[in-house]
Amino acid sequence: MENEKFEKAYEVRWDQLDPIGHLRGPVVIDFALNTQMSWIKSYGYGQDKLAMAGYDPVVLKLEVKYQHEAIIGETLIDIPQLSGLSRDGSMWKTTHEIRKENGDRVASIKLEGTWFNWKSRRAMPPDSELLRILNSAQKSTNFKVMRSIMPRNAE
């Protein structure tokens, strides 16, 4: 599945609308976060493996640019790409283009994060299997190698 294009579709539901009938902004963010987990799972690394490993992704920075409204019944497609990764995998960046079926961009979302260990309550690099998956994920054209979040003596 290396570098294969991944996308996830969402149908806009009534409970996701604001009082004037448009998709609420936080719902778009939820789409990106759900897509991100589905994307990792598509490589065979689901919530069960994350739970066994004792960590989860944590978003440290979020940027959203809204461009078009979406209304009930429309299908939106989220296309994620890896736009940054540290060599040890402890820091990652993804971009999400959420579009209507006709191609109109509803929102562009940038997420930056790390992996959070439940027991130590600290950031950590992922295990070797997940790091291999991240290194094989579809990358954006502006992909950059990021600095590790780990202290120098821990690298």
N, C-alpha and C. Protein backbone atom coordinates (compact mmCIF):
# COMPACT_ATOMS: atom_id res chain seq x y z
N MET A 1 0.82 -1.20 0.00
CA MET A 1 0.00 0.00 0.00
C MET A 1 0.86 1.26 0.00
N GLU A 2 2.13 1.10 -0.19
CA GLU A 2 3.06 2.23 -0.11
C GLU A 2 2.68 3.34 -1.08
N ASN A 3 2.61 4.55 -0.56
CA ASN A 3 2.31 5.76 -1.30
C ASN A 3 0.97 5.73 -2.05
N GLU A 4 0.10 4.77 -1.73
CA GLU A 4 -1.22 4.75 -2.35
C GLU A 4 -2.05 5.91 -1.83
N LYS A 5 -2.88 6.44 -2.71
CA LYS A 5 -3.76 7.53 -2.32
C LYS A 5 -4.86 6.96 -1.42
N PHE A 6 -5.05 7.58 -0.26
CA PHE A 6 -6.10 7.18 0.66
C PHE A 6 -7.11 8.31 0.72
N GLU A 7 -8.37 7.98 0.78
CA GLU A 7 -9.40 9.00 1.00
C GLU A 7 -10.56 8.37 1.75
N LYS A 8 -11.30 9.23 2.42
CA LYS A 8 -12.46 8.78 3.21
C LYS A 8 -13.62 9.72 2.92
N ALA A 9 -14.79 9.12 2.69
CA ALA A 9 -15.99 9.90 2.37
C ALA A 9 -16.87 10.07 3.61
N TYR A 10 -17.51 11.22 3.69
CA TYR A 10 -18.45 11.53 4.77
C TYR A 10 -19.69 12.17 4.14
N GLU A 11 -20.86 11.74 4.61
CA GLU A 11 -22.09 12.40 4.18
C GLU A 11 -22.50 13.39 5.27
N VAL A 12 -22.78 14.61 4.87
CA VAL A 12 -23.18 15.65 5.83
C VAL A 12 -24.57 15.31 6.35
N ARG A 13 -24.67 15.23 7.68
CA ARG A 13 -25.93 14.88 8.35
C ARG A 13 -26.56 16.12 9.00
N TRP A 14 -27.83 16.01 9.28
CA TRP A 14 -28.58 17.10 9.88
C TRP A 14 -27.97 17.54 11.22
N ASP A 15 -27.55 16.58 12.06
CA ASP A 15 -27.02 16.93 13.38
C ASP A 15 -25.64 17.61 13.30
N GLN A 16 -25.08 17.74 12.11
CA GLN A 16 -23.77 18.39 11.94
C GLN A 16 -23.90 19.82 11.43
N LEU A 17 -25.13 20.31 11.33
CA LEU A 17 -25.36 21.63 10.75
C LEU A 17 -25.50 22.71 11.82
N ASP A 18 -25.18 23.93 11.42
CA ASP A 18 -25.41 25.08 12.29
C ASP A 18 -26.84 25.58 12.06
N PRO A 19 -27.29 26.62 12.80
CA PRO A 19 -28.69 27.07 12.66
C PRO A 19 -29.08 27.54 11.27
N ILE A 20 -28.12 27.91 10.42
CA ILE A 20 -28.49 28.36 9.07
C ILE A 20 -28.28 27.26 8.02
N GLY A 21 -28.03 26.03 8.48
CA GLY A 21 -28.01 24.90 7.56
C GLY A 21 -26.67 24.56 6.93
N HIS A 22 -25.59 25.12 7.48
CA HIS A 22 -24.26 24.81 6.95
C HIS A 22 -23.49 23.91 7.92
N LEU A 23 -22.59 23.14 7.39
CA LEU A 23 -21.76 22.26 8.20
C LEU A 23 -20.97 23.07 9.23
N ARG A 24 -21.07 22.64 10.50
CA ARG A 24 -20.34 23.33 11.57
C ARG A 24 -18.84 23.10 11.43
N GLY A 25 -18.04 24.12 11.72
CA GLY A 25 -16.59 24.05 11.61
C GLY A 25 -15.95 22.90 12.37
N PRO A 26 -16.32 22.68 13.64
CA PRO A 26 -15.69 21.58 14.39
C PRO A 26 -15.92 20.21 13.77
N VAL A 27 -17.00 20.04 13.02
CA VAL A 27 -17.28 18.75 12.38
C VAL A 27 -16.20 18.45 11.33
N VAL A 28 -15.78 19.48 10.62
CA VAL A 28 -14.73 19.31 9.61
C VAL A 28 -13.44 18.82 10.28
N ILE A 29 -13.13 19.35 11.44
CA ILE A 29 -11.95 18.92 12.19
C ILE A 29 -12.11 17.46 12.62
N ASP A 30 -13.31 17.10 13.08
CA ASP A 30 -13.57 15.70 13.45
C ASP A 30 -13.38 14.78 12.25
N PHE A 31 -13.81 15.22 11.07
CA PHE A 31 -13.60 14.41 9.87
C PHE A 31 -12.10 14.12 9.69
N ALA A 32 -11.28 15.16 9.78
CA ALA A 32 -9.83 14.99 9.58
C ALA A 32 -9.24 14.04 10.62
N LEU A 33 -9.65 14.18 11.87
CA LEU A 33 -9.12 13.30 12.92
C LEU A 33 -9.55 11.85 12.71
N ASN A 34 -10.80 11.65 12.32
CA ASN A 34 -11.29 10.30 12.04
C ASN A 34 -10.60 9.70 10.82
N THR A 35 -10.40 10.52 9.81
CA THR A 35 -9.70 10.04 8.61
C THR A 35 -8.28 9.61 8.96
N GLN A 36 -7.63 10.39 9.79
CA GLN A 36 -6.25 10.08 10.17
C GLN A 36 -6.16 8.68 10.79
N MET A 37 -7.07 8.36 11.70
CA MET A 37 -7.06 7.05 12.34
C MET A 37 -7.43 5.95 11.33
N SER A 38 -8.38 6.22 10.45
CA SER A 38 -8.74 5.24 9.41
C SER A 38 -7.57 5.00 8.46
N TRP A 39 -6.81 6.04 8.18
CA TRP A 39 -5.65 5.96 7.29
C TRP A 39 -4.60 5.02 7.89
N ILE A 40 -4.29 5.22 9.17
CA ILE A 40 -3.32 4.35 9.85
C ILE A 40 -3.85 2.91 9.88
N LYS A 41 -5.14 2.76 10.17
CA LYS A 41 -5.75 1.43 10.23
C LYS A 41 -5.69 0.73 8.87
N SER A 42 -5.78 1.49 7.78
CA SER A 42 -5.73 0.89 6.45
C SER A 42 -4.40 0.19 6.18
N TYR A 43 -3.38 0.53 6.95
CA TYR A 43 -2.08 -0.12 6.85
C TYR A 43 -1.97 -1.30 7.81
N GLY A 44 -3.06 -1.58 8.54
CA GLY A 44 -3.05 -2.72 9.46
C GLY A 44 -2.63 -2.36 10.88
N TYR A 45 -2.62 -1.05 11.19
CA TYR A 45 -2.22 -0.61 12.52
C TYR A 45 -3.37 0.16 13.14
N GLY A 46 -4.32 -0.58 13.72
CA GLY A 46 -5.53 0.03 14.25
C GLY A 46 -5.44 0.36 15.72
N GLN A 47 -6.58 0.74 16.28
CA GLN A 47 -6.65 1.13 17.68
C GLN A 47 -6.20 0.01 18.61
N ASP A 48 -6.44 -1.24 18.19
CA ASP A 48 -6.02 -2.39 19.02
C ASP A 48 -4.50 -2.40 19.20
N LYS A 49 -3.76 -2.14 18.13
CA LYS A 49 -2.29 -2.12 18.23
C LYS A 49 -1.81 -0.90 19.01
N LEU A 50 -2.47 0.23 18.82
CA LEU A 50 -2.10 1.42 19.60
C LEU A 50 -2.32 1.14 21.08
N ALA A 51 -3.43 0.50 21.42
CA ALA A 51 -3.72 0.20 22.82
C ALA A 51 -2.68 -0.75 23.40
N MET A 52 -2.31 -1.78 22.62
CA MET A 52 -1.28 -2.71 23.10
C MET A 52 0.07 -2.01 23.29
N ALA A 53 0.37 -1.06 22.41
CA ALA A 53 1.62 -0.31 22.51
C ALA A 53 1.58 0.73 23.63
N GLY A 54 0.38 1.15 24.02
CA GLY A 54 0.23 2.09 25.13
C GLY A 54 0.40 3.55 24.78
N TYR A 55 0.10 3.90 23.52
CA TYR A 55 0.18 5.30 23.14
C TYR A 55 -0.85 5.63 22.07
N ASP A 56 -1.05 6.92 21.88
CA ASP A 56 -1.98 7.43 20.88
C ASP A 56 -1.40 8.69 20.25
N PRO A 57 -1.90 9.06 19.07
CA PRO A 57 -1.48 10.34 18.49
C PRO A 57 -2.11 11.49 19.26
N VAL A 58 -1.36 12.56 19.40
CA VAL A 58 -1.86 13.77 20.05
C VAL A 58 -1.56 14.95 19.13
N VAL A 59 -2.57 15.76 18.86
CA VAL A 59 -2.40 16.93 18.01
C VAL A 59 -1.89 18.08 18.87
N LEU A 60 -0.77 18.66 18.45
CA LEU A 60 -0.18 19.80 19.16
C LEU A 60 -0.50 21.12 18.49
N LYS A 61 -0.76 21.06 17.19
CA LYS A 61 -1.04 22.28 16.42
C LYS A 61 -2.08 21.95 15.36
N LEU A 62 -3.03 22.85 15.19
CA LEU A 62 -4.13 22.65 14.26
C LEU A 62 -4.36 23.95 13.50
N GLU A 63 -4.45 23.85 12.19
CA GLU A 63 -4.74 25.02 11.37
C GLU A 63 -5.81 24.63 10.36
N VAL A 64 -6.87 25.44 10.29
CA VAL A 64 -7.98 25.15 9.38
C VAL A 64 -8.24 26.37 8.52
N LYS A 65 -8.40 26.14 7.23
CA LYS A 65 -8.81 27.20 6.32
C LYS A 65 -10.10 26.74 5.66
N TYR A 66 -11.20 27.42 5.98
CA TYR A 66 -12.51 27.08 5.41
C TYR A 66 -12.67 27.82 4.09
N GLN A 67 -13.19 27.11 3.07
CA GLN A 67 -13.30 27.74 1.76
C GLN A 67 -14.69 27.69 1.14
N HIS A 68 -15.43 26.62 1.33
CA HIS A 68 -16.79 26.52 0.80
C HIS A 68 -17.70 25.91 1.85
N GLU A 69 -18.96 26.31 1.82
CA GLU A 69 -19.93 25.73 2.73
C GLU A 69 -20.34 24.35 2.25
N ALA A 70 -20.78 23.52 3.17
CA ALA A 70 -21.34 22.21 2.84
C ALA A 70 -22.70 22.11 3.51
N ILE A 71 -23.64 21.47 2.83
CA ILE A 71 -25.01 21.36 3.34
C ILE A 71 -25.42 19.90 3.45
N ILE A 72 -26.56 19.68 4.09
CA ILE A 72 -27.06 18.33 4.34
C ILE A 72 -27.12 17.50 3.06
N GLY A 73 -26.70 16.26 3.18
CA GLY A 73 -26.77 15.33 2.06
C GLY A 73 -25.57 15.33 1.14
N GLU A 74 -24.74 16.36 1.21
CA GLU A 74 -23.55 16.38 0.35
C GLU A 74 -22.53 15.36 0.85
N THR A 75 -21.81 14.78 -0.08
CA THR A 75 -20.72 13.88 0.27
C THR A 75 -19.42 14.65 0.20
N LEU A 76 -18.66 14.55 1.27
CA LEU A 76 -17.35 15.21 1.33
C LEU A 76 -16.28 14.13 1.35
N ILE A 77 -15.19 14.40 0.65
CA ILE A 77 -14.07 13.46 0.56
C ILE A 77 -12.87 14.10 1.24
N ASP A 78 -12.28 13.37 2.19
CA ASP A 78 -11.07 13.84 2.89
C ASP A 78 -9.89 13.07 2.33
N ILE A 79 -8.91 13.80 1.82
CA ILE A 79 -7.70 13.21 1.25
C ILE A 79 -6.51 13.66 2.11
N PRO A 80 -5.97 12.73 2.92
CA PRO A 80 -4.84 13.09 3.78
C PRO A 80 -3.50 12.82 3.09
N GLN A 81 -2.49 13.56 3.49
CA GLN A 81 -1.12 13.33 3.04
C GLN A 81 -0.19 13.63 4.20
N LEU A 82 0.89 12.90 4.27
CA LEU A 82 1.93 13.16 5.26
C LEU A 82 2.78 14.32 4.73
N SER A 83 2.85 15.40 5.49
CA SER A 83 3.62 16.56 5.03
C SER A 83 4.89 16.78 5.85
N GLY A 84 5.07 15.98 6.90
CA GLY A 84 6.30 16.07 7.68
C GLY A 84 6.42 14.90 8.63
N LEU A 85 7.66 14.51 8.91
CA LEU A 85 7.91 13.42 9.83
C LEU A 85 9.35 13.54 10.31
N SER A 86 9.56 13.39 11.62
CA SER A 86 10.93 13.36 12.13
C SER A 86 11.52 11.99 11.84
N ARG A 87 12.83 11.90 11.83
CA ARG A 87 13.49 10.63 11.51
C ARG A 87 13.07 9.51 12.46
N ASP A 88 12.86 9.85 13.74
CA ASP A 88 12.44 8.83 14.71
C ASP A 88 10.92 8.68 14.78
N GLY A 89 10.19 9.50 14.00
CA GLY A 89 8.73 9.43 13.96
C GLY A 89 8.03 10.09 15.13
N SER A 90 8.79 10.71 16.05
CA SER A 90 8.16 11.31 17.23
C SER A 90 7.33 12.56 16.90
N MET A 91 7.59 13.19 15.78
CA MET A 91 6.80 14.34 15.33
C MET A 91 6.29 14.04 13.93
N TRP A 92 5.06 14.44 13.66
CA TRP A 92 4.45 14.24 12.36
C TRP A 92 3.57 15.43 11.99
N LYS A 93 3.37 15.61 10.70
CA LYS A 93 2.46 16.64 10.17
C LYS A 93 1.64 15.99 9.07
N THR A 94 0.36 16.27 9.05
CA THR A 94 -0.48 15.83 7.94
C THR A 94 -1.28 17.01 7.41
N THR A 95 -1.64 16.92 6.14
CA THR A 95 -2.54 17.89 5.55
C THR A 95 -3.77 17.11 5.07
N HIS A 96 -4.91 17.73 5.20
CA HIS A 96 -6.17 17.12 4.78
C HIS A 96 -6.88 18.10 3.86
N GLU A 97 -7.21 17.64 2.66
CA GLU A 97 -8.02 18.42 1.74
C GLU A 97 -9.41 17.81 1.77
N ILE A 98 -10.37 18.58 2.25
CA ILE A 98 -11.75 18.09 2.30
C ILE A 98 -12.52 18.77 1.17
N ARG A 99 -12.99 17.93 0.26
CA ARG A 99 -13.63 18.45 -0.96
C ARG A 99 -15.02 17.85 -1.17
N LYS A 100 -15.83 18.60 -1.90
CA LYS A 100 -17.12 18.08 -2.35
C LYS A 100 -16.85 17.15 -3.53
N GLU A 101 -17.86 16.37 -3.90
CA GLU A 101 -17.71 15.46 -5.04
C GLU A 101 -17.40 16.20 -6.33
N ASN A 102 -17.85 17.47 -6.44
CA ASN A 102 -17.58 18.25 -7.66
C ASN A 102 -16.17 18.85 -7.65
N GLY A 103 -15.41 18.61 -6.58
CA GLY A 103 -14.03 19.10 -6.51
C GLY A 103 -13.86 20.37 -5.70
N ASP A 104 -14.94 21.09 -5.38
CA ASP A 104 -14.82 22.31 -4.57
C ASP A 104 -14.20 21.97 -3.22
N ARG A 105 -13.21 22.74 -2.83
CA ARG A 105 -12.55 22.52 -1.53
C ARG A 105 -13.39 23.16 -0.43
N VAL A 106 -13.80 22.34 0.54
CA VAL A 106 -14.56 22.82 1.69
C VAL A 106 -13.60 23.36 2.74
N ALA A 107 -12.50 22.64 2.96
CA ALA A 107 -11.52 23.08 3.96
C ALA A 107 -10.17 22.42 3.70
N SER A 108 -9.13 23.13 4.13
CA SER A 108 -7.78 22.57 4.18
C SER A 108 -7.39 22.56 5.65
N ILE A 109 -6.89 21.41 6.10
CA ILE A 109 -6.55 21.26 7.51
C ILE A 109 -5.12 20.77 7.62
N LYS A 110 -4.36 21.41 8.53
CA LYS A 110 -3.01 20.97 8.82
C LYS A 110 -2.97 20.55 10.28
N LEU A 111 -2.50 19.33 10.52
CA LEU A 111 -2.35 18.81 11.87
C LEU A 111 -0.87 18.55 12.12
N GLU A 112 -0.40 18.89 13.30
CA GLU A 112 0.97 18.58 13.70
C GLU A 112 0.90 17.93 15.07
N GLY A 113 1.61 16.83 15.25
CA GLY A 113 1.49 16.15 16.51
C GLY A 113 2.63 15.22 16.84
N THR A 114 2.39 14.45 17.90
CA THR A 114 3.36 13.48 18.40
C THR A 114 2.60 12.26 18.87
N TRP A 115 3.29 11.33 19.46
CA TRP A 115 2.71 10.13 20.07
C TRP A 115 2.83 10.28 21.57
N PHE A 116 1.73 10.04 22.29
CA PHE A 116 1.68 10.28 23.73
C PHE A 116 1.57 8.95 24.46
N ASN A 117 2.57 8.66 25.31
CA ASN A 117 2.60 7.44 26.10
C ASN A 117 1.66 7.60 27.29
N TRP A 118 0.73 6.67 27.45
CA TRP A 118 -0.28 6.76 28.51
C TRP A 118 0.33 6.66 29.90
N LYS A 119 1.35 5.81 30.08
CA LYS A 119 1.92 5.60 31.41
C LYS A 119 2.89 6.69 31.81
N SER A 120 3.84 7.01 30.93
CA SER A 120 4.85 8.02 31.28
C SER A 120 4.30 9.44 31.16
N ARG A 121 3.17 9.58 30.43
CA ARG A 121 2.55 10.89 30.19
C ARG A 121 3.50 11.83 29.45
N ARG A 122 4.29 11.24 28.54
CA ARG A 122 5.27 11.99 27.76
C ARG A 122 5.18 11.62 26.28
N ALA A 123 5.72 12.51 25.46
CA ALA A 123 5.83 12.23 24.03
C ALA A 123 6.85 11.12 23.82
N MET A 124 6.65 10.40 22.74
CA MET A 124 7.56 9.29 22.44
C MET A 124 7.56 9.02 20.94
N PRO A 125 8.59 8.34 20.45
CA PRO A 125 8.54 7.90 19.06
C PRO A 125 7.67 6.64 18.95
N PRO A 126 7.12 6.36 17.78
CA PRO A 126 6.31 5.15 17.62
C PRO A 126 7.20 3.91 17.54
N ASP A 127 6.59 2.75 17.64
CA ASP A 127 7.36 1.51 17.48
C ASP A 127 7.79 1.37 16.02
N SER A 128 8.66 0.41 15.77
CA SER A 128 9.25 0.26 14.43
C SER A 128 8.21 -0.06 13.36
N GLU A 129 7.17 -0.81 13.71
CA GLU A 129 6.13 -1.12 12.73
C GLU A 129 5.39 0.13 12.29
N LEU A 130 4.99 0.96 13.25
CA LEU A 130 4.27 2.18 12.90
C LEU A 130 5.20 3.17 12.18
N LEU A 131 6.45 3.24 12.57
CA LEU A 131 7.39 4.13 11.89
C LEU A 131 7.54 3.70 10.42
N ARG A 132 7.61 2.40 10.17
CA ARG A 132 7.69 1.90 8.80
C ARG A 132 6.44 2.32 8.01
N ILE A 133 5.27 2.21 8.64
CA ILE A 133 4.01 2.61 8.00
C ILE A 133 4.04 4.10 7.67
N LEU A 134 4.44 4.91 8.63
CA LEU A 134 4.48 6.36 8.41
C LEU A 134 5.44 6.70 7.27
N ASN A 135 6.57 6.03 7.22
CA ASN A 135 7.54 6.30 6.16
C ASN A 135 7.03 5.87 4.79
N SER A 136 6.06 4.97 4.74
CA SER A 136 5.54 4.51 3.45
C SER A 136 4.24 5.22 3.05
N ALA A 137 3.70 6.07 3.93
CA ALA A 137 2.44 6.76 3.64
C ALA A 137 2.61 7.78 2.52
N GLN A 138 1.48 8.09 1.87
CA GLN A 138 1.51 9.09 0.79
C GLN A 138 1.98 10.43 1.34
N LYS A 139 2.97 10.99 0.69
CA LYS A 139 3.56 12.26 1.14
C LYS A 139 3.14 13.40 0.23
N SER A 140 3.04 14.58 0.82
CA SER A 140 2.72 15.77 0.04
C SER A 140 3.95 16.20 -0.75
N THR A 141 3.74 17.05 -1.74
CA THR A 141 4.86 17.53 -2.55
C THR A 141 5.80 18.42 -1.74
N ASN A 142 5.30 18.99 -0.66
CA ASN A 142 6.14 19.86 0.18
C ASN A 142 6.58 19.16 1.47
N PHE A 143 6.69 17.83 1.44
CA PHE A 143 7.09 17.05 2.60
C PHE A 143 8.44 17.53 3.13
N LYS A 144 8.52 17.62 4.47
CA LYS A 144 9.78 18.04 5.11
C LYS A 144 10.11 17.10 6.26
N VAL A 145 11.41 16.86 6.43
CA VAL A 145 11.87 16.12 7.59
C VAL A 145 11.82 17.08 8.78
N MET A 146 11.18 16.65 9.85
CA MET A 146 10.98 17.49 11.04
C MET A 146 12.03 17.18 12.11
N ARG A 147 12.14 18.08 13.06
CA ARG A 147 13.00 17.84 14.21
C ARG A 147 12.27 16.92 15.18
N SER A 148 13.01 16.06 15.83
CA SER A 148 12.45 15.16 16.82
C SER A 148 12.00 15.96 18.05
N ILE A 149 10.99 15.47 18.73
CA ILE A 149 10.55 16.09 19.98
C ILE A 149 11.32 15.51 21.18
N MET A 150 12.06 14.44 20.93
CA MET A 150 12.80 13.76 21.99
C MET A 150 14.04 14.55 22.39
N PRO A 151 14.40 14.56 23.67
CA PRO A 151 15.64 15.22 24.09
C PRO A 151 16.82 14.56 23.37
N ARG A 152 17.83 15.34 23.09
CA ARG A 152 19.00 14.85 22.33
C ARG A 152 19.61 13.59 22.91
N ASN A 153 19.72 13.50 24.23
CA ASN A 153 20.35 12.33 24.83
C ASN A 153 19.46 11.08 24.76
N ALA A 154 18.20 11.26 24.37
CA ALA A 154 17.29 10.11 24.27
C ALA A 154 17.22 9.58 22.84
N GLU A 155 17.81 10.28 21.88
CA GLU A 155 17.70 9.88 20.46
C GLU A 155 18.59 8.71 20.13
